[in-house]
Amino acid sequence: MSRPKKKAPAPAPARLEEVPLDVINEPDLPMRMQIDQEGIEQLAASIRKIGLVQPIKLRPAGNRYEIIAGHRRYLASRRLGLPTIQAIIETQTDEVALLARAAENLDRQDTSPFEQAEYLKACKLAMKITNRQLAGRLGKSEAWVSQRLAILEYPQPLQDALKNGKISFSVARQLARIPQPELLAMYTRQACDNGVTPRVAEQWASDCIAMTQRNYSPDPVSEDPVTFSEPEIRDVRCYVCERPTPLRKAKNLWWCNDCLKAAISLLLEQTEH
């Protein structure tokens, strides 16, 4: 008669403790790729004034502890020179700890899409799972995960513009569709220098794709390799006078529809007189 298998011991229940800061390790894969030092200063001032509102979360790591959630609170407390910090200690696997950090940080307003992409990549590599599996564990759509991971494949000028906050993620996604590297670099500079809406960036990308298709003209008889002729940069139309204007000299302004119509109407009246 076979003996019944022993059940694995249940993990120790979570407990709340005051933990010395000098026995706490920062995460192996910190979500905050670029720590906002000004934000840490503001958080430290808040902790100094009203105390720590929410405990950080730790897991045992030998005779020390590793941060699961609350990295910024830990940094702010350390900046204040505090000896201890209130923490919830809970035993967690590497995978659960990674997902917990993601849940805390992926939706933060000050987490950039580039930081999200870097962390999603780290999660994928650590867990050896697909985009769909990762999306399911994070409660995100597969498209949300795939769109952010695609950032890491963007050409460097586009990555830099997004990383430095010069353009929005919505604009970057549209510019990434431009197949010609030279045009992509030019339109990225234009977007950084003058600003652009996602709708305009989408039109730029569609125009570039259309130009590529128009210039794709292989000779069915020739054995020469297929080549693409370089598309010309066309002018844009001025909203007021409707004259063509070189793209590099055109400027983007942010208007609501009502103000734009009123401004154009006023300018047209002035030009008529």
C-alpha atoms as a PDB file:
ATOM      1  CA  MET A   1       0.000   0.000   0.000  1.00  0.00           C
ATOM      2  CA  SER A   2       1.536   3.301  -1.095  1.00  0.00           C
ATOM      3  CA  ARG A   3       1.922   6.031   1.420  1.00  0.00           C
ATOM      4  CA  PRO A   4       0.048   9.285   0.792  1.00  0.00           C
ATOM      5  CA  LYS A   5       2.253  12.076  -0.490  1.00  0.00           C
ATOM      6  CA  LYS A   6       3.159  14.722   1.999  1.00  0.00           C
ATOM      7  CA  LYS A   7       1.767  18.134   1.271  1.00  0.00           C
ATOM      8  CA  ALA A   8       4.244  20.948   0.716  1.00  0.00           C
ATOM      9  CA  PRO A   9       4.438  23.214   3.746  1.00  0.00           C
ATOM     10  CA  ALA A  10       2.265  26.270   3.439  1.00  0.00           C
ATOM     11  CA  PRO A  11       4.176  29.548   3.044  1.00  0.00           C
ATOM     12  CA  ALA A  12       4.523  31.624   6.162  1.00  0.00           C
ATOM     13  CA  PRO A  13       1.765  34.225   6.484  1.00  0.00           C
ATOM     14  CA  ALA A  14       2.589  37.840   5.716  1.00  0.00           C
ATOM     15  CA  ARG A  15       3.674  39.884   8.704  1.00  0.00           C
ATOM     16  CA  LEU A  16       4.163  43.586   9.415  1.00  0.00           C
ATOM     17  CA  GLU A  17       7.529  44.609  10.880  1.00  0.00           C
ATOM     18  CA  GLU A  18       9.927  47.507  11.294  1.00  0.00           C
ATOM     19  CA  VAL A  19      12.907  46.471   9.175  1.00  0.00           C
ATOM     20  CA  PRO A  20      16.378  48.101   9.269  1.00  0.00           C
ATOM     21  CA  LEU A  21      17.145  49.793   5.959  1.00  0.00           C
ATOM     22  CA  ASP A  22      20.652  48.341   5.889  1.00  0.00           C
ATOM     23  CA  VAL A  23      19.360  44.751   5.524  1.00  0.00           C
ATOM     24  CA  ILE A  24      17.167  45.549   2.499  1.00  0.00           C
ATOM     25  CA  ASN A  25      18.327  44.814  -1.057  1.00  0.00           C
ATOM     26  CA  GLU A  26      17.014  46.821  -3.975  1.00  0.00           C
ATOM     27  CA  PRO A  27      15.272  44.744  -6.686  1.00  0.00           C
ATOM     28  CA  ASP A  28      17.455  42.714  -9.050  1.00  0.00           C
ATOM     29  CA  LEU A  29      15.347  44.106 -11.914  1.00  0.00           C
ATOM     30  CA  PRO A  30      14.363  47.586 -10.752  1.00  0.00           C
ATOM     31  CA  MET A  31      11.266  48.844 -12.503  1.00  0.00           C
ATOM     32  CA  ARG A  32      12.464  52.422 -12.234  1.00  0.00           C
ATOM     33  CA  MET A  33      15.052  52.480 -15.017  1.00  0.00           C
ATOM     34  CA  GLN A  34      15.548  56.188 -14.428  1.00  0.00           C
ATOM     35  CA  ILE A  35      14.781  57.295 -10.883  1.00  0.00           C
ATOM     36  CA  ASP A  36      13.197  60.747 -10.757  1.00  0.00           C
ATOM     37  CA  GLN A  37      15.370  62.404  -8.119  1.00  0.00           C
ATOM     38  CA  GLU A  38      13.017  65.364  -7.788  1.00  0.00           C
ATOM     39  CA  GLY A  39      10.159  62.949  -7.167  1.00  0.00           C
ATOM     40  CA  ILE A  40      12.191  61.170  -4.475  1.00  0.00           C
ATOM     41  CA  GLU A  41      12.869  64.527  -2.794  1.00  0.00           C
ATOM     42  CA  GLN A  42       9.151  65.340  -2.791  1.00  0.00           C
ATOM     43  CA  LEU A  43       8.287  61.916  -1.400  1.00  0.00           C
ATOM     44  CA  ALA A  44      10.946  62.303   1.296  1.00  0.00           C
ATOM     45  CA  ALA A  45       9.446  65.670   2.277  1.00  0.00           C
ATOM     46  CA  SER A  46       6.017  64.041   2.537  1.00  0.00           C
ATOM     47  CA  ILE A  47       7.353  61.203   4.713  1.00  0.00           C
ATOM     48  CA  ARG A  48       9.149  63.723   6.919  1.00  0.00           C
ATOM     49  CA  LYS A  49       5.926  65.665   7.383  1.00  0.00           C
ATOM     50  CA  ILE A  50       3.252  62.975   7.774  1.00  0.00           C
ATOM     51  CA  GLY A  51       5.160  59.707   7.949  1.00  0.00           C
ATOM     52  CA  LEU A  52       5.018  56.628   5.733  1.00  0.00           C
ATOM     53  CA  VAL A  53       1.406  56.196   4.627  1.00  0.00           C
ATOM     54  CA  GLN A  54       1.773  52.722   3.106  1.00  0.00           C
ATOM     55  CA  PRO A  55       4.316  50.052   4.156  1.00  0.00           C
ATOM     56  CA  ILE A  56       6.672  48.692   1.546  1.00  0.00           C
ATOM     57  CA  LYS A  57       6.544  44.994   0.654  1.00  0.00           C
ATOM     58  CA  LEU A  58       9.565  42.712   1.107  1.00  0.00           C
ATOM     59  CA  ARG A  59      10.410  39.060   0.668  1.00  0.00           C
ATOM     60  CA  PRO A  60      13.110  37.132   2.560  1.00  0.00           C
ATOM     61  CA  ALA A  61      16.459  36.770   0.747  1.00  0.00           C
ATOM     62  CA  GLY A  62      18.692  34.680   3.002  1.00  0.00           C
ATOM     63  CA  ASN A  63      19.320  36.732   6.110  1.00  0.00           C
ATOM     64  CA  ARG A  64      18.280  39.901   4.267  1.00  0.00           C
ATOM     65  CA  TYR A  65      15.196  41.154   2.418  1.00  0.00           C
ATOM     66  CA  GLU A  66      14.445  42.125  -1.187  1.00  0.00           C
ATOM     67  CA  ILE A  67      12.001  44.842  -2.227  1.00  0.00           C
ATOM     68  CA  ILE A  68       8.869  43.628  -3.989  1.00  0.00           C
ATOM     69  CA  ALA A  69       6.955  46.913  -3.936  1.00  0.00           C
ATOM     70  CA  GLY A  70       7.845  50.349  -2.607  1.00  0.00           C
ATOM     71  CA  HIS A  71      11.254  51.039  -4.154  1.00  0.00           C
ATOM     72  CA  ARG A  72      10.681  54.821  -4.195  1.00  0.00           C
ATOM     73  CA  ARG A  73       9.468  54.820  -0.583  1.00  0.00           C
ATOM     74  CA  TYR A  74      12.609  52.936   0.385  1.00  0.00           C
ATOM     75  CA  LEU A  75      14.851  55.441  -1.446  1.00  0.00           C
ATOM     76  CA  ALA A  76      13.041  58.394   0.143  1.00  0.00           C
ATOM     77  CA  SER A  77      13.385  56.893   3.633  1.00  0.00           C
ATOM     78  CA  ARG A  78      17.069  56.229   3.037  1.00  0.00           C
ATOM     79  CA  ARG A  79      17.541  59.810   1.881  1.00  0.00           C
ATOM     80  CA  LEU A  80      16.012  60.977   5.167  1.00  0.00           C
ATOM     81  CA  GLY A  81      18.519  58.853   7.067  1.00  0.00           C
ATOM     82  CA  LEU A  82      15.807  56.800   8.773  1.00  0.00           C
ATOM     83  CA  PRO A  83      17.116  53.649  10.496  1.00  0.00           C
ATOM     84  CA  THR A  84      14.073  51.460   9.777  1.00  0.00           C
ATOM     85  CA  ILE A  85      11.008  51.289   7.572  1.00  0.00           C
ATOM     86  CA  GLN A  86       7.640  49.654   8.071  1.00  0.00           C
ATOM     87  CA  ALA A  87       7.287  46.660   5.760  1.00  0.00           C
ATOM     88  CA  ILE A  88       5.000  43.748   4.982  1.00  0.00           C
ATOM     89  CA  ILE A  89       7.168  40.623   4.742  1.00  0.00           C
ATOM     90  CA  GLU A  90       5.841  37.862   2.534  1.00  0.00           C
ATOM     91  CA  THR A  91       7.460  34.787   0.979  1.00  0.00           C
ATOM     92  CA  GLN A  92       7.101  34.921  -2.817  1.00  0.00           C
ATOM     93  CA  THR A  93       8.562  33.143  -5.833  1.00  0.00           C
ATOM     94  CA  ASP A  94      10.675  35.063  -8.345  1.00  0.00           C
ATOM     95  CA  GLU A  95       7.795  35.077 -10.828  1.00  0.00           C
ATOM     96  CA  VAL A  96       5.227  36.352  -8.340  1.00  0.00           C
ATOM     97  CA  ALA A  97       7.657  39.039  -7.159  1.00  0.00           C
ATOM     98  CA  LEU A  98       8.260  40.211 -10.741  1.00  0.00           C
ATOM     99  CA  LEU A  99       4.532  40.413 -11.420  1.00  0.00           C
ATOM    100  CA  ALA A 100       3.954  42.285  -8.165  1.00  0.00           C
ATOM    101  CA  ARG A 101       6.540  44.911  -9.134  1.00  0.00           C
ATOM    102  CA  ALA A 102       4.945  45.194 -12.555  1.00  0.00           C
ATOM    103  CA  ALA A 103       1.486  45.641 -11.053  1.00  0.00           C
ATOM    104  CA  GLU A 104       2.786  48.476  -8.865  1.00  0.00           C
ATOM    105  CA  ASN A 105       4.701  50.348 -11.515  1.00  0.00           C
ATOM    106  CA  LEU A 106       3.494  49.692 -15.073  1.00  0.00           C
ATOM    107  CA  ASP A 107       0.475  51.956 -14.733  1.00  0.00           C
ATOM    108  CA  ARG A 108       2.221  54.795 -12.899  1.00  0.00           C
ATOM    109  CA  GLN A 109       1.818  58.121 -14.695  1.00  0.00           C
ATOM    110  CA  ASP A 110       5.532  58.880 -14.438  1.00  0.00           C
ATOM    111  CA  THR A 111       6.609  55.541 -15.907  1.00  0.00           C
ATOM    112  CA  SER A 112       7.535  56.140 -19.539  1.00  0.00           C
ATOM    113  CA  PRO A 113       6.594  53.705 -22.327  1.00  0.00           C
ATOM    114  CA  PHE A 114      10.318  53.033 -22.806  1.00  0.00           C
ATOM    115  CA  GLU A 115      10.661  51.999 -19.154  1.00  0.00           C
ATOM    116  CA  GLN A 116       7.581  49.814 -19.528  1.00  0.00           C
ATOM    117  CA  ALA A 117       9.152  48.156 -22.571  1.00  0.00           C
ATOM    118  CA  GLU A 118      12.430  47.456 -20.768  1.00  0.00           C
ATOM    119  CA  TYR A 119      10.651  45.895 -17.825  1.00  0.00           C
ATOM    120  CA  LEU A 120       8.305  43.800 -19.979  1.00  0.00           C
ATOM    121  CA  LYS A 121      11.347  42.452 -21.817  1.00  0.00           C
ATOM    122  CA  ALA A 122      13.007  41.577 -18.508  1.00  0.00           C
ATOM    123  CA  CYS A 123       9.839  39.799 -17.365  1.00  0.00           C
ATOM    124  CA  LYS A 124       9.634  37.821 -20.622  1.00  0.00           C
ATOM    125  CA  LEU A 125      13.246  36.706 -20.409  1.00  0.00           C
ATOM    126  CA  ALA A 126      13.023  35.797 -16.735  1.00  0.00           C
ATOM    127  CA  MET A 127       9.787  33.833 -17.093  1.00  0.00           C
ATOM    128  CA  LYS A 128      10.455  32.453 -20.605  1.00  0.00           C
ATOM    129  CA  ILE A 129       6.889  33.143 -21.725  1.00  0.00           C
ATOM    130  CA  THR A 130       5.156  34.610 -24.781  1.00  0.00           C
ATOM    131  CA  ASN A 131       3.615  38.047 -25.163  1.00  0.00           C
ATOM    132  CA  ARG A 132       0.161  36.533 -24.791  1.00  0.00           C
ATOM    133  CA  GLN A 133       1.077  34.688 -21.592  1.00  0.00           C
ATOM    134  CA  LEU A 134       2.699  37.788 -20.121  1.00  0.00           C
ATOM    135  CA  ALA A 135      -0.329  39.892 -21.016  1.00  0.00           C
ATOM    136  CA  GLY A 136      -2.630  37.417 -19.288  1.00  0.00           C
ATOM    137  CA  ARG A 137      -0.597  37.441 -16.083  1.00  0.00           C
ATOM    138  CA  LEU A 138      -0.487  41.230 -16.024  1.00  0.00           C
ATOM    139  CA  GLY A 139      -4.155  41.680 -16.866  1.00  0.00           C
ATOM    140  CA  LYS A 140      -3.259  43.527 -20.079  1.00  0.00           C
ATOM    141  CA  SER A 141      -4.176  42.930 -23.698  1.00  0.00           C
ATOM    142  CA  GLU A 142      -1.655  41.195 -25.921  1.00  0.00           C
ATOM    143  CA  ALA A 143      -1.642  44.299 -28.156  1.00  0.00           C
ATOM    144  CA  TRP A 144      -0.700  46.511 -25.170  1.00  0.00           C
ATOM    145  CA  VAL A 145       2.299  44.308 -24.391  1.00  0.00           C
ATOM    146  CA  SER A 146       3.359  43.881 -28.036  1.00  0.00           C
ATOM    147  CA  GLN A 147       3.150  47.604 -28.810  1.00  0.00           C
ATOM    148  CA  ARG A 148       5.463  48.451 -25.934  1.00  0.00           C
ATOM    149  CA  LEU A 149       7.946  45.691 -26.648  1.00  0.00           C
ATOM    150  CA  ALA A 150       8.089  46.971 -30.238  1.00  0.00           C
ATOM    151  CA  ILE A 151       9.607  50.204 -28.885  1.00  0.00           C
ATOM    152  CA  LEU A 152      12.874  48.335 -28.329  1.00  0.00           C
ATOM    153  CA  GLU A 153      13.016  47.657 -32.095  1.00  0.00           C
ATOM    154  CA  TYR A 154      12.497  51.311 -33.084  1.00  0.00           C
ATOM    155  CA  PRO A 155      15.396  53.057 -34.879  1.00  0.00           C
ATOM    156  CA  GLN A 156      17.650  54.867 -32.428  1.00  0.00           C
ATOM    157  CA  PRO A 157      16.524  58.458 -33.252  1.00  0.00           C
ATOM    158  CA  LEU A 158      12.919  57.478 -32.580  1.00  0.00           C
ATOM    159  CA  GLN A 159      13.846  55.649 -29.371  1.00  0.00           C
ATOM    160  CA  ASP A 160      15.786  58.689 -28.150  1.00  0.00           C
ATOM    161  CA  ALA A 161      12.911  61.068 -28.916  1.00  0.00           C
ATOM    162  CA  LEU A 162      10.470  58.893 -26.990  1.00  0.00           C
ATOM    163  CA  LYS A 163      12.870  58.232 -24.105  1.00  0.00           C
ATOM    164  CA  ASN A 164      13.547  61.963 -23.677  1.00  0.00           C
ATOM    165  CA  GLY A 165       9.855  62.860 -23.738  1.00  0.00           C
ATOM    166  CA  LYS A 166      10.093  64.829 -26.992  1.00  0.00           C
ATOM    167  CA  ILE A 167       7.194  62.923 -28.561  1.00  0.00           C
ATOM    168  CA  SER A 168       4.286  60.898 -27.235  1.00  0.00           C
ATOM    169  CA  PHE A 169       3.978  57.141 -27.544  1.00  0.00           C
ATOM    170  CA  SER A 170       1.014  57.571 -29.903  1.00  0.00           C
ATOM    171  CA  VAL A 171       3.131  59.717 -32.231  1.00  0.00           C
ATOM    172  CA  ALA A 172       6.093  57.328 -32.012  1.00  0.00           C
ATOM    173  CA  ARG A 173       3.906  54.380 -32.991  1.00  0.00           C
ATOM    174  CA  GLN A 174       2.832  56.192 -36.166  1.00  0.00           C
ATOM    175  CA  LEU A 175       6.331  57.389 -37.075  1.00  0.00           C
ATOM    176  CA  ALA A 176       7.663  53.840 -36.637  1.00  0.00           C
ATOM    177  CA  ARG A 177       5.577  52.853 -39.676  1.00  0.00           C
ATOM    178  CA  ILE A 178       7.723  55.018 -41.992  1.00  0.00           C
ATOM    179  CA  PRO A 179       9.842  52.553 -44.006  1.00  0.00           C
ATOM    180  CA  GLN A 180      12.541  54.963 -45.234  1.00  0.00           C
ATOM    181  CA  PRO A 181      15.248  55.607 -42.562  1.00  0.00           C
ATOM    182  CA  GLU A 182      16.079  59.083 -43.906  1.00  0.00           C
ATOM    183  CA  LEU A 183      12.451  60.180 -43.917  1.00  0.00           C
ATOM    184  CA  LEU A 184      11.864  58.666 -40.498  1.00  0.00           C
ATOM    185  CA  ALA A 185      14.790  60.642 -39.077  1.00  0.00           C
ATOM    186  CA  MET A 186      13.571  63.843 -40.757  1.00  0.00           C
ATOM    187  CA  TYR A 187       9.980  63.499 -39.560  1.00  0.00           C
ATOM    188  CA  THR A 188      11.200  62.616 -36.063  1.00  0.00           C
ATOM    189  CA  ARG A 189      13.211  65.856 -35.960  1.00  0.00           C
ATOM    190  CA  GLN A 190      10.184  67.771 -37.224  1.00  0.00           C
ATOM    191  CA  ALA A 191       8.002  66.247 -34.511  1.00  0.00           C
ATOM    192  CA  CYS A 192      10.571  67.028 -31.802  1.00  0.00           C
ATOM    193  CA  ASP A 193      11.179  70.609 -32.936  1.00  0.00           C
ATOM    194  CA  ASN A 194       7.620  71.720 -33.649  1.00  0.00           C
ATOM    195  CA  GLY A 195       5.311  69.165 -32.086  1.00  0.00           C
ATOM    196  CA  VAL A 196       2.840  66.977 -33.923  1.00  0.00           C
ATOM    197  CA  THR A 197      -0.464  65.249 -33.257  1.00  0.00           C
ATOM    198  CA  PRO A 198      -0.892  61.477 -33.688  1.00  0.00           C
ATOM    199  CA  ARG A 199      -3.266  62.149 -36.592  1.00  0.00           C
ATOM    200  CA  VAL A 200      -0.680  64.214 -38.465  1.00  0.00           C
ATOM    201  CA  ALA A 201       2.028  61.627 -37.736  1.00  0.00           C
ATOM    202  CA  GLU A 202      -0.301  58.954 -39.104  1.00  0.00           C
ATOM    203  CA  GLN A 203      -0.723  60.982 -42.303  1.00  0.00           C
ATOM    204  CA  TRP A 204       3.046  61.394 -42.636  1.00  0.00           C
ATOM    205  CA  ALA A 205       3.514  57.648 -42.316  1.00  0.00           C
ATOM    206  CA  SER A 206       0.741  56.886 -44.805  1.00  0.00           C
ATOM    207  CA  ASP A 207       2.244  59.345 -47.304  1.00  0.00           C
ATOM    208  CA  CYS A 208       5.685  57.748 -46.978  1.00  0.00           C
ATOM    209  CA  ILE A 209       4.271  54.257 -47.417  1.00  0.00           C
ATOM    210  CA  ALA A 210       2.318  55.403 -50.477  1.00  0.00           C
ATOM    211  CA  MET A 211       5.434  57.017 -51.961  1.00  0.00           C
ATOM    212  CA  THR A 212       7.346  53.781 -51.501  1.00  0.00           C
ATOM    213  CA  GLN A 213       4.608  51.823 -53.239  1.00  0.00           C
ATOM    214  CA  ARG A 214       4.473  54.311 -56.127  1.00  0.00           C
ATOM    215  CA  ASN A 215       8.230  54.175 -56.571  1.00  0.00           C
ATOM    216  CA  TYR A 216       8.351  50.378 -56.507  1.00  0.00           C
ATOM    217  CA  SER A 217       8.516  49.612 -60.222  1.00  0.00           C
ATOM    218  CA  PRO A 218      10.482  46.450 -60.986  1.00  0.00           C
ATOM    219  CA  ASP A 219      10.960  45.606 -64.644  1.00  0.00           C
ATOM    220  CA  PRO A 220       9.405  42.143 -65.140  1.00  0.00           C
ATOM    221  CA  VAL A 221      11.834  41.430 -67.986  1.00  0.00           C
ATOM    222  CA  SER A 222      15.011  42.840 -66.467  1.00  0.00           C
ATOM    223  CA  GLU A 223      17.270  40.622 -64.369  1.00  0.00           C
ATOM    224  CA  ASP A 224      18.585  43.616 -62.459  1.00  0.00           C
ATOM    225  CA  PRO A 225      17.844  43.649 -58.722  1.00  0.00           C
ATOM    226  CA  VAL A 226      14.722  45.499 -57.647  1.00  0.00           C
ATOM    227  CA  THR A 227      15.456  49.048 -56.533  1.00  0.00           C
ATOM    228  CA  PHE A 228      13.454  51.810 -54.964  1.00  0.00           C
ATOM    229  CA  SER A 229      13.808  55.380 -56.152  1.00  0.00           C
ATOM    230  CA  GLU A 230      14.200  57.911 -53.355  1.00  0.00           C
ATOM    231  CA  PRO A 231      10.901  59.742 -52.776  1.00  0.00           C
ATOM    232  CA  GLU A 232      10.945  63.496 -52.745  1.00  0.00           C
ATOM    233  CA  ILE A 233       9.898  65.409 -49.658  1.00  0.00           C
ATOM    234  CA  ARG A 234       6.719  67.162 -50.654  1.00  0.00           C
ATOM    235  CA  ASP A 235       5.526  70.472 -49.281  1.00  0.00           C
ATOM    236  CA  VAL A 236       2.671  70.798 -46.840  1.00  0.00           C
ATOM    237  CA  ARG A 237      -0.359  73.025 -47.388  1.00  0.00           C
ATOM    238  CA  CYS A 238      -0.799  76.139 -45.261  1.00  0.00           C
ATOM    239  CA  TYR A 239      -4.161  76.023 -43.472  1.00  0.00           C
ATOM    240  CA  VAL A 240      -4.791  79.753 -44.078  1.00  0.00           C
ATOM    241  CA  CYS A 241      -3.493  80.747 -47.511  1.00  0.00           C
ATOM    242  CA  GLU A 242      -3.372  77.160 -48.842  1.00  0.00           C
ATOM    243  CA  ARG A 243      -0.006  77.801 -50.494  1.00  0.00           C
ATOM    244  CA  PRO A 244       2.527  74.937 -50.440  1.00  0.00           C
ATOM    245  CA  THR A 245       5.152  75.422 -47.750  1.00  0.00           C
ATOM    246  CA  PRO A 246       8.426  73.483 -47.330  1.00  0.00           C
ATOM    247  CA  LEU A 247       8.007  71.030 -44.477  1.00  0.00           C
ATOM    248  CA  ARG A 248      11.078  72.282 -42.639  1.00  0.00           C
ATOM    249  CA  LYS A 249       9.583  75.796 -42.528  1.00  0.00           C
ATOM    250  CA  ALA A 250       6.087  74.706 -41.472  1.00  0.00           C
ATOM    251  CA  LYS A 251       5.099  75.074 -37.814  1.00  0.00           C
ATOM    252  CA  ASN A 252       2.545  73.152 -35.790  1.00  0.00           C
ATOM    253  CA  LEU A 253       0.262  74.926 -33.329  1.00  0.00           C
ATOM    254  CA  TRP A 254      -2.140  73.339 -30.853  1.00  0.00           C
ATOM    255  CA  TRP A 255      -5.725  74.526 -31.430  1.00  0.00           C
ATOM    256  CA  CYS A 256      -9.157  73.262 -30.560  1.00  0.00           C
ATOM    257  CA  ASN A 257     -11.519  73.112 -33.562  1.00  0.00           C
ATOM    258  CA  ASP A 258     -13.483  76.231 -32.592  1.00  0.00           C
ATOM    259  CA  CYS A 259     -10.410  78.407 -32.080  1.00  0.00           C
ATOM    260  CA  LEU A 260      -8.791  77.128 -35.264  1.00  0.00           C
ATOM    261  CA  LYS A 261     -11.871  77.999 -37.334  1.00  0.00           C
ATOM    262  CA  ALA A 262     -12.111  81.434 -35.718  1.00  0.00           C
ATOM    263  CA  ALA A 263      -8.417  82.163 -36.311  1.00  0.00           C
ATOM    264  CA  ILE A 264      -8.548  81.081 -39.948  1.00  0.00           C
ATOM    265  CA  SER A 265     -11.692  83.149 -40.516  1.00  0.00           C
ATOM    266  CA  LEU A 266     -10.053  86.221 -38.970  1.00  0.00           C
ATOM    267  CA  LEU A 267      -6.860  85.792 -40.982  1.00  0.00           C
ATOM    268  CA  LEU A 268      -8.822  85.365 -44.208  1.00  0.00           C
ATOM    269  CA  GLU A 269     -10.742  88.577 -43.496  1.00  0.00           C
ATOM    270  CA  GLN A 270      -7.475  90.446 -42.949  1.00  0.00           C
ATOM    271  CA  THR A 271      -5.918  89.104 -46.156  1.00  0.00           C
ATOM    272  CA  GLU A 272      -9.014  90.135 -48.148  1.00  0.00           C
ATOM    273  CA  HIS A 273      -8.652  93.700 -46.898  1.00  0.00           C
END
